[in-house]
Amino acid sequence: MVKEALPIDARVQNRVLDTNVPTILGISASVTTVIYFPKPIRGVLGFGLTAGQEAGQPNSFIQYEHPEGSPIVALRALQGFEKLYMTVIMDESLYVFELYNTAQPVVALKLVERPLNDGAREVSYDEVRDGRIHSTPEDLVGLLHKAWNRPVLQKSYASLYARSEFRKADAKTDYGDVVVTVTEVHRFGDQDATVLLGVIKNHRATPIAFNPASVGVYVGARMYPAQLCDASGTVPAKGEAAIGVVLRGSTEGDREHLSSKNDYRIALPALGSTREVVTTSNALFPRRTTTARDK
């Protein structure tokens, strides 16, 4: 029997508080989102917010609860809205939250204060913004393309790989009769990006399917959601399929500084028959350049 992985999502998160940058948070009507602050908070303000059980007003879009003197705020959407702002007072500082309605809300969010070192200095909003990693789909596809085609491109365009790292691997995630193996690790340090290439082997007598958008990566004991997954979403019976995964920075845009020497293992979401998957995608490079690995 296959040991199926839990779906990878962002329902439980840890983030760093920043007075200069709004915290973007998705909530819904079906789930209560609990936010835990590092210290007791003094107040919650914002248009469309309704305290406790007071609902039913035209401008009541979000219900919130804050036990007096506690570091907890609980949120739940009361009706549809596109974007609203909540301001929370903690100590003498104001923290802004940009709230939006989603079918995949955050369930629990733990906030921590950014630690100050002896040489710490105050930074501007522009410095914070410019220091974050801004990944576009084109950037991620470009990284994947460089990894898939390294054997060919490196011969003619060595400068593309001058500051990158590469190693062969054999890291397996074993689900019983489905095995995912990482065969190559590519690290592009300047872009804080790691690309994993591998293969999924299906020993079942029936095809399997999964949602590529829900693929994650174990780095040691920690799980990272993939920024991009190149996979068809299906594996034939008694067959195999290629998979490529890109990790770049954190979900908040901070650098993770992962090492190419880490133990990387690809985690698939719950596996099912091809009839049970609602959404799959075609591989990004179904006709990519032929390399030694394809022969």
Protein backbone atom coordinates (compact mmCIF):
# COMPACT_ATOMS: atom_id res chain seq x y z
CA MET A 1 0.00 0.00 0.00
CA VAL A 2 1.35 3.42 -0.95
CA LYS A 3 2.36 5.75 1.87
CA GLU A 4 0.86 8.95 0.54
CA ALA A 5 2.36 12.31 1.42
CA LEU A 6 0.29 15.05 2.95
CA PRO A 7 -0.60 17.81 0.46
CA ILE A 8 1.90 20.65 0.55
CA ASP A 9 0.26 23.97 1.32
CA ALA A 10 0.82 27.14 3.29
CA ARG A 11 -1.84 26.67 5.97
CA VAL A 12 0.64 27.02 8.85
CA GLN A 13 3.23 29.79 8.58
CA ASN A 14 5.92 31.64 10.52
CA ARG A 15 6.78 35.20 9.51
CA VAL A 16 8.83 38.14 10.71
CA LEU A 17 6.98 41.32 11.71
CA ASP A 18 7.94 44.47 9.81
CA THR A 19 6.54 47.93 10.54
CA ASN A 20 7.47 49.10 7.04
CA VAL A 21 5.87 46.36 4.96
CA PRO A 22 2.24 45.13 5.15
CA THR A 23 1.79 41.44 5.96
CA ILE A 24 -0.31 39.88 3.18
CA LEU A 25 -2.72 37.27 4.54
CA GLY A 26 -5.47 35.17 2.97
CA ILE A 27 -8.61 34.34 4.99
CA SER A 28 -11.99 32.74 4.25
CA ALA A 29 -15.50 32.24 5.61
CA SER A 30 -15.05 28.49 6.18
CA VAL A 31 -11.90 28.64 8.33
CA THR A 32 -10.86 30.75 11.32
CA THR A 33 -7.37 32.18 10.87
CA VAL A 34 -5.45 32.53 14.15
CA ILE A 35 -2.57 35.03 14.38
CA TYR A 36 -0.13 34.74 17.29
CA PHE A 37 1.94 37.86 18.05
CA PRO A 38 5.22 37.87 20.02
CA LYS A 39 3.67 40.17 22.67
CA PRO A 40 0.19 41.11 23.90
CA ILE A 41 -1.46 43.53 21.50
CA ARG A 42 -3.26 46.73 22.48
CA GLY A 43 -5.75 47.18 19.68
CA VAL A 44 -7.14 46.06 16.31
CA LEU A 45 -8.44 48.65 13.83
CA GLY A 46 -9.71 48.67 10.27
CA PHE A 47 -12.67 49.30 7.98
CA GLY A 48 -14.94 46.28 7.60
CA LEU A 49 -13.80 44.63 10.83
CA THR A 50 -16.47 43.48 13.28
CA ALA A 51 -15.59 42.49 16.84
CA GLY A 52 -16.87 39.25 18.38
CA GLN A 53 -20.25 37.99 17.24
CA GLU A 54 -21.56 41.32 15.96
CA ALA A 55 -22.36 40.49 12.36
CA GLY A 56 -24.98 41.35 9.77
CA GLN A 57 -24.07 45.00 9.19
CA PRO A 58 -23.60 46.18 5.57
CA ASN A 59 -19.92 47.00 6.17
CA SER A 60 -19.15 43.88 8.23
CA PHE A 61 -16.74 41.97 6.00
CA ILE A 62 -14.43 40.36 8.57
CA GLN A 63 -15.18 39.08 12.07
CA TYR A 64 -12.31 39.29 14.54
CA GLU A 65 -11.79 38.21 18.13
CA HIS A 66 -9.04 39.38 20.46
CA PRO A 67 -9.08 38.19 24.07
CA GLU A 68 -8.11 41.22 26.14
CA GLY A 69 -4.44 41.25 27.12
CA SER A 70 -3.57 38.31 24.86
CA PRO A 71 -1.23 38.08 21.84
CA ILE A 72 -3.93 36.40 19.72
CA VAL A 73 -6.22 37.69 16.97
CA ALA A 74 -8.68 35.35 15.21
CA LEU A 75 -10.15 36.32 11.81
CA ARG A 76 -12.95 34.96 9.65
CA ALA A 77 -14.53 36.39 6.49
CA LEU A 78 -18.25 37.20 6.80
CA GLN A 79 -18.87 38.01 3.14
CA GLY A 80 -16.97 38.42 -0.10
CA PHE A 81 -14.43 41.23 -0.46
CA GLU A 82 -11.36 41.87 -2.60
CA LYS A 83 -8.90 43.55 -0.24
CA LEU A 84 -9.09 45.15 3.22
CA TYR A 85 -6.53 46.46 5.69
CA MET A 86 -6.18 45.72 9.40
CA THR A 87 -3.87 47.67 11.71
CA VAL A 88 -2.64 46.08 14.93
CA ILE A 89 -1.02 48.01 17.78
CA MET A 90 1.77 46.22 19.67
CA ASP A 91 4.02 48.12 22.10
CA GLU A 92 4.36 51.55 20.47
CA SER A 93 4.34 50.27 16.90
CA LEU A 94 1.68 49.83 14.21
CA TYR A 95 1.62 46.73 12.03
CA VAL A 96 -0.47 46.68 8.84
CA PHE A 97 -2.08 43.53 7.40
CA GLU A 98 -3.40 43.35 3.84
CA LEU A 99 -6.26 40.84 3.97
CA TYR A 100 -7.82 39.11 0.97
CA ASN A 101 -10.51 36.47 0.47
CA THR A 102 -9.31 33.05 -0.73
CA ALA A 103 -10.40 29.43 -0.89
CA GLN A 104 -7.00 28.42 0.55
CA PRO A 105 -6.59 30.52 3.70
CA VAL A 106 -3.79 30.52 6.24
CA VAL A 107 -5.01 28.61 9.31
CA ALA A 108 -2.30 29.58 11.80
CA LEU A 109 0.26 32.38 11.55
CA LYS A 110 3.00 32.86 14.15
CA LEU A 111 4.73 36.23 14.05
CA VAL A 112 8.18 36.95 15.47
CA GLU A 113 10.14 40.16 15.87
CA ARG A 114 13.22 40.66 13.75
CA PRO A 115 16.29 40.23 16.00
CA LEU A 116 18.66 43.19 16.34
CA ASN A 117 22.45 42.64 16.26
CA ASP A 118 25.06 44.92 17.84
CA GLY A 119 25.74 46.40 14.44
CA ALA A 120 22.09 46.73 13.51
CA ARG A 121 20.90 49.84 11.73
CA GLU A 122 17.56 51.15 10.62
CA VAL A 123 16.82 50.42 6.99
CA SER A 124 14.43 52.15 4.63
CA TYR A 125 11.41 50.62 2.96
CA ASP A 126 13.24 50.81 -0.38
CA GLU A 127 16.17 48.79 1.03
CA VAL A 128 13.79 46.14 2.33
CA ARG A 129 11.95 46.00 -0.99
CA ASP A 130 15.11 45.91 -3.11
CA GLY A 131 16.64 43.19 -0.93
CA ARG A 132 13.77 40.80 -1.53
CA ILE A 133 13.81 38.21 -4.27
CA HIS A 134 11.32 38.99 -7.02
CA SER A 135 10.77 35.84 -9.08
CA THR A 136 8.84 36.08 -12.31
CA PRO A 137 7.63 32.97 -14.16
CA GLU A 138 10.22 33.76 -16.83
CA ASP A 139 13.03 33.78 -14.21
CA LEU A 140 11.98 30.38 -12.84
CA VAL A 141 11.59 28.82 -16.28
CA GLY A 142 15.03 30.18 -17.23
CA LEU A 143 16.64 28.53 -14.20
CA LEU A 144 14.97 25.22 -14.99
CA HIS A 145 16.05 25.47 -18.61
CA LYS A 146 19.68 26.06 -17.57
CA ALA A 147 19.62 22.99 -15.32
CA TRP A 148 17.94 20.63 -17.82
CA ASN A 149 20.33 21.62 -20.60
CA ARG A 150 23.58 22.08 -18.67
CA PRO A 151 25.47 19.30 -20.58
CA VAL A 152 24.80 21.07 -23.89
CA LEU A 153 24.75 24.77 -22.96
CA GLN A 154 27.82 24.71 -20.71
CA LYS A 155 30.03 23.75 -23.65
CA SER A 156 29.07 26.84 -25.63
CA TYR A 157 28.04 29.27 -22.86
CA ALA A 158 30.34 28.48 -19.94
CA SER A 159 29.74 31.94 -18.42
CA LEU A 160 26.14 30.93 -17.66
CA TYR A 161 27.45 28.42 -15.11
CA ALA A 162 30.55 30.25 -13.88
CA ARG A 163 29.15 30.83 -10.38
CA SER A 164 26.92 27.79 -10.06
CA GLU A 165 27.33 24.39 -8.39
CA PHE A 166 26.31 20.97 -9.64
CA ARG A 167 26.38 17.44 -8.25
CA LYS A 168 24.86 14.06 -9.01
CA ALA A 169 22.49 12.66 -6.38
CA ASP A 170 20.50 9.56 -5.53
CA ALA A 171 18.04 10.81 -2.89
CA LYS A 172 14.84 8.74 -2.86
CA THR A 173 11.38 9.45 -1.47
CA ASP A 174 9.78 6.02 -1.22
CA TYR A 175 5.96 5.73 -1.19
CA GLY A 176 6.02 1.94 -1.53
CA ASP A 177 5.28 1.22 -5.17
CA VAL A 178 5.97 4.83 -6.22
CA VAL A 179 9.51 6.17 -5.82
CA VAL A 180 10.75 9.72 -6.51
CA THR A 181 14.52 10.05 -6.95
CA VAL A 182 16.52 13.30 -7.08
CA THR A 183 19.32 12.59 -9.57
CA GLU A 184 20.86 16.06 -9.97
CA VAL A 185 21.23 19.15 -7.75
CA HIS A 186 21.95 22.52 -9.39
CA ARG A 187 22.68 25.53 -7.18
CA PHE A 188 22.69 29.10 -8.56
CA GLY A 189 23.94 31.00 -5.51
CA ASP A 190 23.76 34.52 -6.97
CA GLN A 191 20.02 34.03 -7.48
CA ASP A 192 19.51 32.01 -4.26
CA ALA A 193 18.02 29.27 -6.44
CA THR A 194 18.23 25.48 -6.30
CA VAL A 195 17.03 23.27 -9.15
CA LEU A 196 16.42 19.57 -8.60
CA LEU A 197 16.09 17.13 -11.47
CA GLY A 198 14.80 13.63 -10.98
CA VAL A 199 12.55 10.79 -12.00
CA ILE A 200 9.28 9.31 -10.71
CA LYS A 201 8.96 5.53 -11.04
CA ASN A 202 5.51 3.98 -10.84
CA HIS A 203 5.50 0.26 -10.05
CA ARG A 204 1.71 0.09 -9.95
CA ALA A 205 -0.30 -1.74 -12.60
CA THR A 206 -2.33 1.45 -13.13
CA PRO A 207 -1.31 5.02 -14.02
CA ILE A 208 -1.02 7.60 -11.23
CA ALA A 209 -1.65 11.33 -11.23
CA PHE A 210 -0.80 14.27 -8.98
CA ASN A 211 -1.01 18.05 -9.02
CA PRO A 212 2.42 19.55 -9.89
CA ALA A 213 1.44 22.81 -8.19
CA SER A 214 1.39 20.99 -4.81
CA VAL A 215 4.86 19.43 -5.01
CA GLY A 216 7.25 20.24 -2.17
CA VAL A 217 10.85 19.53 -1.18
CA TYR A 218 12.25 18.21 2.07
CA VAL A 219 15.57 19.83 2.97
CA GLY A 220 16.56 17.71 5.91
CA ALA A 221 13.49 17.76 8.16
CA ARG A 222 12.12 21.06 6.81
CA MET A 223 9.56 21.29 4.02
CA TYR A 224 9.72 23.95 1.28
CA PRO A 225 6.98 24.52 -1.32
CA ALA A 226 8.33 24.45 -4.88
CA GLN A 227 8.22 27.77 -6.72
CA LEU A 228 8.00 25.87 -10.00
CA CYS A 229 7.52 22.20 -10.88
CA ASP A 230 8.16 20.85 -14.38
CA ALA A 231 6.10 17.64 -14.55
CA SER A 232 3.21 16.34 -16.61
CA GLY A 233 1.26 15.33 -13.50
CA THR A 234 0.86 11.72 -14.67
CA VAL A 235 3.06 8.62 -14.64
CA PRO A 236 2.10 5.56 -16.75
CA ALA A 237 1.57 2.11 -15.27
CA LYS A 238 4.90 0.32 -14.71
CA GLY A 239 6.58 3.41 -16.14
CA GLU A 240 8.46 6.55 -15.19
CA ALA A 241 8.40 10.30 -15.81
CA ALA A 242 10.89 13.13 -15.44
CA ILE A 243 10.42 15.88 -12.86
CA GLY A 244 12.18 19.20 -12.28
CA VAL A 245 11.70 21.48 -9.27
CA VAL A 246 12.87 25.04 -8.56
CA LEU A 247 13.38 26.45 -5.05
CA ARG A 248 14.15 30.15 -4.77
CA GLY A 249 14.17 32.18 -1.57
CA SER A 250 11.35 31.97 0.96
CA THR A 251 7.63 32.61 0.53
CA GLU A 252 8.23 36.12 1.95
CA GLY A 253 10.98 36.91 -0.58
CA ASP A 254 13.88 36.49 1.87
CA ARG A 255 17.02 34.59 0.94
CA GLU A 256 17.34 31.04 2.29
CA HIS A 257 21.03 30.48 1.35
CA LEU A 258 20.58 26.73 0.89
CA SER A 259 23.63 24.62 0.15
CA SER A 260 24.09 22.31 -2.82
CA LYS A 261 25.29 19.70 -0.30
CA ASN A 262 21.94 19.50 1.51
CA ASP A 263 19.84 16.35 1.50
CA TYR A 264 17.03 17.23 -0.94
CA ARG A 265 14.02 14.94 -1.37
CA ILE A 266 11.00 15.65 -3.56
CA ALA A 267 7.59 15.14 -1.90
CA LEU A 268 4.51 14.44 -4.02
CA PRO A 269 0.99 15.39 -2.92
CA ALA A 270 -1.60 12.64 -2.39
CA LEU A 271 -1.50 10.19 -5.28
CA GLY A 272 -4.59 9.02 -7.12
CA SER A 273 -5.76 7.55 -10.36
CA THR A 274 -5.72 9.77 -13.43
CA ARG A 275 -9.49 10.25 -13.10
CA GLU A 276 -9.19 11.79 -9.61
CA VAL A 277 -6.95 14.74 -10.48
CA VAL A 278 -8.79 17.95 -11.29
CA THR A 279 -5.85 19.95 -12.65
CA THR A 280 -2.62 18.81 -14.25
CA SER A 281 -0.14 20.68 -16.42
CA ASN A 282 2.03 19.72 -19.36
CA ALA A 283 5.77 19.57 -18.85
CA LEU A 284 7.47 22.91 -19.55
CA PHE A 285 10.06 21.39 -21.86
CA PRO A 286 8.45 18.40 -23.61
CA ARG A 287 10.85 18.92 -26.52
CA ARG A 288 13.90 20.15 -24.63
CA THR A 289 17.41 19.77 -26.05
CA THR A 290 18.58 16.15 -26.07
CA THR A 291 21.30 15.54 -23.49
CA ALA A 292 23.34 12.60 -22.34
CA ARG A 293 20.72 11.75 -19.68
CA ASP A 294 18.07 11.27 -22.39
CA LYS A 295 20.07 8.67 -24.30
